[in-house]
Protein backbone atom coordinates (compact mmCIF):
# COMPACT_ATOMS: atom_id res chain seq x y z
CA UNK A 1 -86.95 143.10 78.48
CA UNK A 2 -87.59 142.48 82.18
CA UNK A 3 -87.76 145.36 84.64
CA UNK A 4 -85.40 144.56 87.54
CA UNK A 5 -86.42 147.03 90.21
CA UNK A 6 -87.25 146.60 93.88
CA UNK A 7 -89.29 149.81 94.04
CA UNK A 8 -92.88 149.93 92.88
CA UNK A 9 -93.54 151.52 89.55
CA UNK A 10 -96.61 153.67 90.08
CA UNK A 11 -97.25 154.89 86.60
CA UNK A 12 -95.84 154.62 83.14
CA UNK A 13 -96.44 156.83 80.17
CA UNK A 14 -97.19 155.59 76.72
CA UNK A 15 -96.43 158.01 73.94
CA UNK A 16 -98.16 157.68 70.63
CA UNK A 17 -96.84 159.57 67.63
CA UNK A 18 -99.01 160.29 64.65
CA UNK A 19 -96.81 161.93 62.09
CA UNK A 20 -98.35 164.65 59.94
CA UNK A 21 -97.90 164.23 56.21
CA UNK A 22 -94.91 166.15 54.89
CA UNK A 23 -95.62 169.33 52.99
CA UNK A 24 -94.27 169.47 49.47
CA UNK A 25 -93.69 171.86 46.66
CA UNK A 26 -96.85 172.85 44.76
CA UNK A 27 -95.56 171.45 41.50
CA UNK A 28 -92.91 168.85 42.15
CA UNK A 29 -92.25 168.72 38.39
CA UNK A 30 -91.75 172.49 38.11
CA UNK A 31 -88.10 173.41 37.73
CA UNK A 32 -86.72 176.12 40.02
CA UNK A 33 -86.89 179.61 38.54
CA UNK A 34 -83.88 181.80 38.01
CA UNK A 35 -85.74 185.12 38.44
CA UNK A 36 -88.84 186.74 39.93
CA UNK A 37 -90.42 189.91 38.52
CA UNK A 38 -90.04 192.68 41.11
CA UNK A 39 -93.53 194.10 40.47
CA UNK A 40 -95.05 190.74 41.48
CA UNK A 41 -93.30 190.56 44.87
CA UNK A 42 -95.86 191.43 47.57
CA UNK A 43 -93.75 190.70 50.65
CA UNK A 44 -90.85 188.63 51.90
CA UNK A 45 -90.47 186.46 54.99
CA UNK A 46 -87.10 185.52 56.46
CA UNK A 47 -87.12 182.00 57.90
CA UNK A 48 -83.46 181.73 58.91
CA UNK A 49 -80.01 182.88 57.78
CA UNK A 50 -80.30 180.85 54.58
CA UNK A 51 -84.01 180.80 53.67
CA UNK A 52 -86.26 183.60 52.37
CA UNK A 53 -89.91 183.16 51.36
CA UNK A 54 -91.19 185.44 48.57
CA UNK A 55 -94.97 185.94 48.63
CA UNK A 56 -96.10 187.15 45.21
CA UNK A 57 -99.29 188.92 44.22
CA UNK A 58 -101.81 186.30 43.15
CA UNK A 59 -100.93 183.86 45.98
CA UNK A 60 -97.83 182.37 44.35
CA UNK A 61 -95.09 181.55 46.86
CA UNK A 62 -91.41 180.95 46.17
CA UNK A 63 -88.64 179.91 48.53
CA UNK A 64 -85.07 180.98 47.93
CA UNK A 65 -82.39 179.01 49.71
CA UNK A 66 -79.26 181.14 49.63
CA UNK A 67 -76.02 179.59 48.43
CA UNK A 68 -74.48 180.10 51.89
CA UNK A 69 -75.90 181.16 55.27
CA UNK A 70 -76.12 184.97 55.40
CA UNK A 71 -74.82 186.16 58.74
CA UNK A 72 -77.37 188.17 60.78
CA UNK A 73 -80.18 187.85 58.21
CA UNK A 74 -82.59 186.15 60.61
CA UNK A 75 -81.61 188.35 63.56
CA UNK A 76 -82.04 191.63 61.69
CA UNK A 77 -85.09 190.45 59.73
CA UNK A 78 -84.59 192.72 56.72
CA UNK A 79 -82.47 193.05 53.60
CA UNK A 80 -82.02 195.18 50.52
CA UNK A 81 -81.03 194.49 46.92
CA UNK A 82 -80.11 196.46 43.82
CA UNK A 83 -81.12 195.51 40.32
CA UNK A 84 -81.63 197.39 37.09
CA UNK A 85 -83.50 194.66 35.21
CA UNK A 86 -86.90 194.71 36.94
CA UNK A 87 -86.22 191.17 38.13
CA UNK A 88 -84.57 189.62 41.16
CA UNK A 89 -82.44 186.72 39.98
CA UNK A 90 -80.34 183.92 41.42
CA UNK A 91 -77.26 185.79 40.15
CA UNK A 92 -78.14 188.82 42.32
CA UNK A 93 -77.02 189.55 45.87
CA UNK A 94 -78.85 190.84 48.93
CA UNK A 95 -77.41 192.90 51.78
CA UNK A 96 -78.61 192.54 55.37
CA UNK A 97 -79.90 195.83 56.75
CA UNK A 98 -78.45 196.22 60.23
CA UNK A 99 -79.53 198.62 62.94
CA UNK A 100 -77.03 201.37 63.56
CA UNK A 101 -76.91 203.92 66.31
CA UNK A 102 -79.79 206.38 66.72
CA UNK A 103 -82.34 204.30 64.79
CA UNK A 104 -80.59 204.27 61.44
CA UNK A 105 -79.89 201.37 59.11
CA UNK A 106 -76.72 200.38 57.34
CA UNK A 107 -75.87 197.62 54.90
CA UNK A 108 -74.21 194.63 56.51
CA UNK A 109 -73.26 191.25 55.10
CA UNK A 110 -73.83 190.68 51.37
CA UNK A 111 -74.98 187.24 50.23
CA UNK A 112 -75.78 185.50 46.95
CA UNK A 113 -79.29 184.29 46.17
CA UNK A 114 -80.09 180.76 45.06
CA UNK A 115 -82.83 179.59 42.70
CA UNK A 116 -86.50 180.28 43.43
CA UNK A 117 -88.59 177.17 44.13
CA UNK A 118 -92.41 177.19 43.94
CA UNK A 119 -94.02 175.97 47.20
CA UNK A 120 -97.42 175.94 48.89
CA UNK A 121 -98.51 177.49 52.20
CA UNK A 122 -98.23 174.15 54.01
CA UNK A 123 -94.55 173.99 53.09
CA UNK A 124 -94.02 177.53 54.43
CA UNK A 125 -95.78 176.57 57.67
CA UNK A 126 -93.40 173.63 58.00
CA UNK A 127 -90.42 175.96 57.46
CA UNK A 128 -91.74 178.32 60.13
CA UNK A 129 -92.19 175.43 62.53
CA UNK A 130 -95.95 176.10 62.78
CA UNK A 131 -96.66 172.47 61.98
CA UNK A 132 -94.76 170.12 64.25
CA UNK A 133 -93.37 166.86 62.94
CA UNK A 134 -95.75 164.87 65.13
CA UNK A 135 -98.72 165.12 67.42
CA UNK A 136 -97.94 163.57 70.79
CA UNK A 137 -100.56 161.87 72.92
CA UNK A 138 -99.72 160.91 76.50
CA UNK A 139 -101.73 158.09 78.07
CA UNK A 140 -101.55 156.95 81.70
CA UNK A 141 -101.39 153.19 82.14
CA UNK A 142 -101.68 151.15 85.30
CA UNK A 143 -98.97 148.71 86.34
CA UNK A 144 -99.50 145.83 88.74
CA UNK A 145 -97.34 146.77 91.77
CA UNK A 146 -97.04 143.13 92.87
CA UNK A 147 -95.61 142.19 89.50
CA UNK A 148 -93.04 145.00 89.77
CA UNK A 149 -91.95 143.90 93.21
CA UNK A 150 -91.49 140.34 91.95
CA UNK A 151 -89.57 141.49 88.84
CA UNK A 152 -92.25 140.09 86.53
CA UNK A 153 -92.97 143.20 84.46
CA UNK A 154 -92.04 143.09 80.79
CA UNK A 155 -91.48 146.14 78.60
């Protein structure tokens, strides 16, 4: 393509993308689990209104993608659940804990869990956005001003 411009082009930027390898599940062959044992859950991390990361004791990590987005889950950053089985299962529901007046909490939207999928820390970093899809390098290049003025520059 020829650049048809009467004004001199002083500088152009070349952008080089080197894409980081995609993070994957720890065991791609491992089927999603229906339940997690409550005693093994160390902490949870809310990624967005539809994704919760369950960090288990012993460094196991599971992601649960809810059946539907759960309104206000990400904004409030906390939820509760009730179970009598000692396990949290895909058939269970969670309720968003919303701030109420004077520092209290109240149950808000209730949402169904999905299956629990085993993942590694790199996958969680990708979900968080800690690892960008690409590293960008910007390089200055020189352009012959005479060639620009004579419409002889190719892109």
